[in-house]
């Protein structure tokens, strides 16, 4: 794709960025060549703006390893080994990595991110499709995936976790923010959030659930350990744990919100080591069987 000055002008670029383009590429430029030139000139935000305006390409960049300060690539990125980038990785389509990903600032892709090792980002992490890690995922900012998230180890982030598909995590999920999941949320360890947790479908956790505000699932909630929230606990169907269920002071515990009352005994069962003090709805069934 060739970009002329008139074509770029139709996108209403900032005055400083357009002046830079006229000084260095007044006769026009190939799309990816222009992205590379902007990055080399330290104009990373302008390169990301350009990618936002003109979108992805079908090109694929294949490398053995990627060691760089910044990369902005309009197509897909395939790396056989590791990605180690000091600041920004921005890719128009998918990212496939045979090793691990370590990025100093942010990682954003327009499509899937698949990594066989660990994903460690010192800022925000955004996937325009699925997000899959063979090991764990760590971000010092928020994590967003427009489709499913899958990780064999822990998922940790210092911002909100936003998922457009199911979450399947082998160990713990720990989030300093809220969690929103458009399907089911499943993890083998503990689920910890400093804010609210909402799953459109079910929540299934191997150990404890600790929620800084409201805990809500459109289907059922199941945990191997204690279920605690500082706000309300709401389950569309059943709610069960081997230990205790406790909502915040002044808040209630609700099960069967999406089930007719006549079906509560079968589909809105509440199981715990002791009856929650603030149980407002659902069928109290006593302790869960091992």
Protein backbone atom coordinates (compact mmCIF):
# COMPACT_ATOMS: atom_id res chain seq x y z
CA UNK A 1 0.00 0.00 0.00
CA UNK A 2 1.38 3.40 -1.03
CA UNK A 3 0.42 6.39 1.11
CA UNK A 4 0.41 9.81 -0.52
CA UNK A 5 0.25 13.14 1.29
CA UNK A 6 -3.32 13.72 0.06
CA UNK A 7 -4.39 10.27 1.25
CA UNK A 8 -2.91 10.81 4.70
CA UNK A 9 -4.41 14.32 4.92
CA UNK A 10 -7.91 12.84 4.62
CA UNK A 11 -7.32 11.10 7.99
CA UNK A 12 -6.75 14.46 9.74
CA UNK A 13 -3.28 13.84 11.21
CA UNK A 14 -1.85 16.14 13.84
CA UNK A 15 -0.03 19.16 12.43
CA UNK A 16 3.37 18.14 13.78
CA UNK A 17 3.12 14.61 12.40
CA UNK A 18 1.98 15.81 8.99
CA UNK A 19 4.86 18.29 8.80
CA UNK A 20 7.28 15.46 9.57
CA UNK A 21 5.75 13.39 6.76
CA UNK A 22 6.08 16.26 4.27
CA UNK A 23 9.72 16.79 5.22
CA UNK A 24 10.74 13.16 4.94
CA UNK A 25 8.24 11.47 2.60
CA UNK A 26 6.63 14.27 0.58
CA UNK A 27 6.44 12.02 -2.50
CA UNK A 28 4.62 9.32 -0.59
CA UNK A 29 5.76 6.05 0.96
CA UNK A 30 5.04 2.36 1.24
CA UNK A 31 2.82 1.68 4.29
CA UNK A 32 5.21 -0.55 6.24
CA UNK A 33 8.25 1.51 5.26
CA UNK A 34 6.53 4.56 6.70
CA UNK A 35 5.72 2.72 9.94
CA UNK A 36 9.37 1.68 10.22
CA UNK A 37 10.58 5.23 9.55
CA UNK A 38 8.28 6.67 12.21
CA UNK A 39 9.54 4.17 14.77
CA UNK A 40 13.19 4.90 13.88
CA UNK A 41 12.48 8.63 14.31
CA UNK A 42 11.04 7.98 17.79
CA UNK A 43 7.50 8.80 16.67
CA UNK A 44 5.93 5.60 18.00
CA UNK A 45 2.57 7.17 18.82
CA UNK A 46 2.35 8.46 15.22
CA UNK A 47 3.11 4.95 13.93
CA UNK A 48 0.35 3.48 16.10
CA UNK A 49 -2.04 6.22 14.93
CA UNK A 50 -1.22 5.38 11.31
CA UNK A 51 -1.95 1.69 11.94
CA UNK A 52 -5.26 2.62 13.57
CA UNK A 53 -6.22 4.65 10.50
CA UNK A 54 -5.18 2.29 7.69
CA UNK A 55 -5.57 -1.07 9.39
CA UNK A 56 -3.78 -4.40 9.04
CA UNK A 57 -2.17 -6.02 5.99
CA UNK A 58 -1.76 -9.66 4.99
CA UNK A 59 2.03 -9.63 5.24
CA UNK A 60 3.82 -11.99 7.65
CA UNK A 61 7.15 -11.21 9.29
CA UNK A 62 9.00 -14.42 10.28
CA UNK A 63 12.00 -14.22 12.64
CA UNK A 64 14.11 -16.58 14.73
CA UNK A 65 14.18 -14.08 17.61
CA UNK A 66 13.05 -10.49 18.09
CA UNK A 67 15.21 -8.13 20.16
CA UNK A 68 14.33 -4.46 19.62
CA UNK A 69 13.36 -1.21 21.28
CA UNK A 70 9.98 -0.96 19.51
CA UNK A 71 8.15 -2.69 16.68
CA UNK A 72 5.03 -1.57 14.83
CA UNK A 73 4.10 -4.04 12.09
CA UNK A 74 0.89 -3.97 10.08
CA UNK A 75 0.68 -7.70 9.32
CA UNK A 76 1.26 -10.88 11.34
CA UNK A 77 4.36 -11.58 13.42
CA UNK A 78 5.79 -15.09 13.76
CA UNK A 79 8.83 -15.62 16.00
CA UNK A 80 10.35 -19.07 16.47
CA UNK A 81 12.14 -18.10 19.68
CA UNK A 82 11.64 -15.21 22.13
CA UNK A 83 10.36 -11.65 21.86
CA UNK A 84 12.29 -9.20 24.06
CA UNK A 85 11.28 -5.58 23.34
CA UNK A 86 12.12 -2.58 25.52
CA UNK A 87 9.00 -0.51 24.93
CA UNK A 88 6.09 -1.17 22.50
CA UNK A 89 4.94 -4.10 20.39
CA UNK A 90 2.04 -3.21 18.10
CA UNK A 91 0.93 -5.69 15.42
CA UNK A 92 -1.99 -5.38 13.02
CA UNK A 93 -2.88 -9.07 12.92
CA UNK A 94 -1.79 -12.14 14.93
CA UNK A 95 1.32 -12.92 16.96
CA UNK A 96 2.75 -16.46 17.19
CA UNK A 97 5.76 -17.04 19.43
CA UNK A 98 7.56 -20.32 20.07
CA UNK A 99 9.33 -19.02 23.19
CA UNK A 100 8.40 -16.27 25.65
CA UNK A 101 7.32 -12.63 25.31
CA UNK A 102 8.84 -9.88 27.48
CA UNK A 103 7.84 -6.28 26.68
CA UNK A 104 8.80 -3.15 28.61
CA UNK A 105 5.65 -1.09 27.98
CA UNK A 106 2.67 -2.41 26.01
CA UNK A 107 1.69 -5.26 23.71
CA UNK A 108 -1.27 -4.81 21.35
CA UNK A 109 -2.37 -7.10 18.52
CA UNK A 110 -5.27 -6.89 16.11
CA UNK A 111 -5.87 -10.65 16.26
CA UNK A 112 -4.79 -13.70 18.30
CA UNK A 113 -1.71 -13.84 20.51
CA UNK A 114 -0.27 -17.35 20.95
CA UNK A 115 2.86 -17.86 23.06
CA UNK A 116 4.39 -21.18 24.05
CA UNK A 117 6.19 -19.70 27.07
CA UNK A 118 5.45 -16.87 29.50
CA UNK A 119 3.93 -13.50 28.58
CA UNK A 120 5.30 -10.68 30.75
CA UNK A 121 4.28 -7.08 29.95
CA UNK A 122 5.22 -4.03 32.01
CA UNK A 123 2.04 -2.24 30.92
CA UNK A 124 -1.20 -3.06 29.13
CA UNK A 125 -1.82 -6.20 27.12
CA UNK A 126 -4.51 -6.26 24.42
CA UNK A 127 -5.41 -9.07 22.04
CA UNK A 128 -7.92 -8.56 19.24
CA UNK A 129 -8.71 -12.28 19.36
CA UNK A 130 -7.64 -15.19 21.57
CA UNK A 131 -4.87 -14.88 24.15
CA UNK A 132 -3.02 -18.13 24.86
CA UNK A 133 0.11 -18.77 26.93
CA UNK A 134 1.82 -22.11 27.43
CA UNK A 135 3.05 -20.85 30.82
CA UNK A 136 1.66 -17.78 32.64
CA UNK A 137 0.57 -14.22 31.84
CA UNK A 138 1.70 -11.16 33.81
CA UNK A 139 0.82 -7.55 33.02
CA UNK A 140 1.57 -4.40 35.01
CA UNK A 141 -1.57 -2.89 33.48
CA UNK A 142 -4.91 -4.17 32.24
CA UNK A 143 -5.48 -7.24 30.10
CA UNK A 144 -8.06 -7.29 27.31
CA UNK A 145 -8.82 -10.20 24.98
CA UNK A 146 -11.74 -10.00 22.56
CA UNK A 147 -12.01 -13.80 22.55
CA UNK A 148 -10.92 -16.56 24.96
CA UNK A 149 -7.98 -16.51 27.37
CA UNK A 150 -6.00 -19.66 28.11
CA UNK A 151 -2.95 -20.05 30.37
CA UNK A 152 -1.40 -23.13 31.94
CA UNK A 153 -0.04 -21.22 34.95
CA UNK A 154 -1.11 -18.01 36.72
CA UNK A 155 -2.71 -14.89 35.26
CA UNK A 156 -1.79 -11.66 37.06
CA UNK A 157 -2.56 -8.07 36.12
CA UNK A 158 -2.48 -4.67 37.80
CA UNK A 159 -5.57 -3.37 35.99
CA UNK A 160 -8.94 -4.60 34.75
CA UNK A 161 -9.30 -8.01 33.09
CA UNK A 162 -11.74 -7.88 30.13
CA UNK A 163 -12.50 -11.08 28.20
CA UNK A 164 -14.80 -11.62 25.23
CA UNK A 165 -14.68 -15.40 25.60
CA UNK A 166 -14.03 -18.13 28.15
CA UNK A 167 -11.14 -17.98 30.62
CA UNK A 168 -9.31 -21.25 31.28
CA UNK A 169 -6.39 -20.86 33.71
CA UNK A 170 -4.46 -23.73 35.28
CA UNK A 171 -3.51 -21.96 38.51
CA UNK A 172 -4.44 -18.59 40.11
CA UNK A 173 -6.08 -15.48 38.70
CA UNK A 174 -5.04 -12.33 40.58
CA UNK A 175 -6.33 -8.94 39.40
CA UNK A 176 -5.96 -5.46 40.87
CA UNK A 177 -9.18 -4.28 39.25
CA UNK A 178 -12.44 -5.77 38.04
CA UNK A 179 -13.01 -8.91 35.97
CA UNK A 180 -15.55 -9.14 33.16
CA UNK A 181 -15.91 -12.38 31.23
CA UNK A 182 -18.42 -12.87 28.39
CA UNK A 183 -18.49 -16.65 28.91
CA UNK A 184 -17.30 -18.94 31.74
CA UNK A 185 -14.44 -18.25 34.13
CA UNK A 186 -12.49 -21.36 35.14
CA UNK A 187 -9.25 -21.62 37.15
CA UNK A 188 -7.54 -24.41 39.05
CA UNK A 189 -6.27 -22.24 41.91
CA UNK A 190 -7.69 -19.13 43.60
CA UNK A 191 -9.57 -16.20 42.06
CA UNK A 192 -8.72 -12.81 43.59
CA UNK A 193 -10.00 -9.41 42.45
CA UNK A 194 -9.90 -6.06 44.23
CA UNK A 195 -13.13 -5.03 42.48
CA UNK A 196 -16.23 -6.77 41.06
CA UNK A 197 -16.21 -10.07 39.18
CA UNK A 198 -18.86 -10.78 36.55
CA UNK A 199 -19.15 -13.83 34.28
CA UNK A 200 -22.02 -14.10 31.80
CA UNK A 201 -21.93 -17.89 32.18
CA UNK A 202 -20.45 -19.82 35.15
CA UNK A 203 -17.53 -19.50 37.57
CA UNK A 204 -15.58 -22.59 38.64
CA UNK A 205 -12.56 -22.21 40.94
CA UNK A 206 -10.38 -24.91 42.49
CA UNK A 207 -9.55 -22.98 45.67
CA UNK A 208 -10.80 -19.68 47.16
CA UNK A 209 -12.70 -16.74 45.68
CA UNK A 210 -11.94 -13.31 47.12
CA UNK A 211 -13.80 -10.40 45.57
CA UNK A 212 -13.34 -6.74 46.48
CA UNK A 213 -16.91 -5.85 45.54
CA UNK A 214 -19.73 -7.83 43.85
CA UNK A 215 -19.43 -11.42 42.64
CA UNK A 216 -21.87 -12.44 39.91
CA UNK A 217 -22.39 -15.30 37.45
CA UNK A 218 -25.27 -15.84 35.03
CA UNK A 219 -25.03 -19.61 35.63
CA UNK A 220 -23.60 -21.24 38.76
CA UNK A 221 -20.64 -20.51 41.04
CA UNK A 222 -18.52 -23.38 42.35
CA UNK A 223 -15.38 -23.22 44.49
CA UNK A 224 -13.20 -25.66 46.40
CA UNK A 225 -12.48 -23.12 49.13
CA UNK A 226 -14.14 -20.12 50.73
CA UNK A 227 -16.26 -17.70 48.69
CA UNK A 228 -15.96 -14.15 50.02
CA UNK A 229 -17.08 -10.79 48.63
CA UNK A 230 -17.29 -7.30 50.07
CA UNK A 231 -20.47 -6.76 48.07
CA UNK A 232 -23.30 -9.05 46.99
CA UNK A 233 -22.92 -12.63 45.74
CA UNK A 234 -25.30 -13.46 42.90
CA UNK A 235 -25.62 -16.75 41.04
CA UNK A 236 -28.13 -17.38 38.27
CA UNK A 237 -28.24 -21.06 39.21
CA UNK A 238 -26.50 -23.02 42.03
CA UNK A 239 -23.83 -21.81 44.43
CA UNK A 240 -21.53 -24.30 46.12
CA UNK A 241 -18.31 -24.64 48.11
CA UNK A 242 -16.78 -27.05 50.62
CA UNK A 243 -16.15 -24.12 52.97
CA UNK A 244 -17.99 -20.88 53.78
CA UNK A 245 -19.90 -18.31 51.70
CA UNK A 246 -19.81 -14.74 52.96
CA UNK A 247 -21.09 -11.52 51.41
CA UNK A 248 -20.15 -8.02 52.53
CA UNK A 249 -21.79 -6.23 55.44
CA UNK A 250 -25.33 -5.24 54.46
CA UNK A 251 -25.27 -7.33 51.24
CA UNK A 252 -27.04 -10.58 50.42
CA UNK A 253 -26.25 -13.97 48.95
CA UNK A 254 -28.52 -14.89 46.03
CA UNK A 255 -28.83 -18.15 44.11
CA UNK A 256 -31.37 -19.17 41.47
CA UNK A 257 -31.84 -15.66 40.09
CA UNK A 258 -32.30 -17.10 36.59
CA UNK A 259 -34.27 -20.18 37.67
CA UNK A 260 -37.98 -20.54 38.46
CA UNK A 261 -38.60 -21.02 42.19
CA UNK A 262 -40.20 -24.42 41.54
CA UNK A 263 -36.84 -25.65 40.19
CA UNK A 264 -34.65 -24.33 43.01
CA UNK A 265 -34.19 -27.70 44.71
CA UNK A 266 -32.57 -29.11 41.57
CA UNK A 267 -31.03 -26.07 39.88
CA UNK A 268 -30.48 -23.42 42.57
CA UNK A 269 -28.82 -25.38 45.35
CA UNK A 270 -26.69 -23.57 47.92
CA UNK A 271 -24.03 -25.79 49.49
CA UNK A 272 -21.45 -24.77 52.10
CA UNK A 273 -20.03 -25.88 55.44
CA UNK A 274 -22.59 -23.61 57.11
CA UNK A 275 -25.60 -21.65 55.92
CA UNK A 276 -24.71 -18.08 54.89
CA UNK A 277 -26.16 -15.52 57.31
CA UNK A 278 -27.46 -13.35 54.47
CA UNK A 279 -28.88 -16.04 52.17
CA UNK A 280 -31.75 -14.33 50.33
CA UNK A 281 -32.67 -16.86 47.64
CA UNK A 282 -31.91 -20.41 46.53
CA UNK A 283 -32.36 -23.87 48.07
CA UNK A 284 -30.19 -24.46 51.15
CA UNK A 285 -28.81 -28.00 50.70
CA UNK A 286 -26.24 -28.15 53.49
CA UNK A 287 -22.62 -29.22 53.15
CA UNK A 288 -21.28 -30.44 49.80
CA UNK A 289 -20.33 -34.07 49.42
CA UNK A 290 -16.66 -34.76 48.75
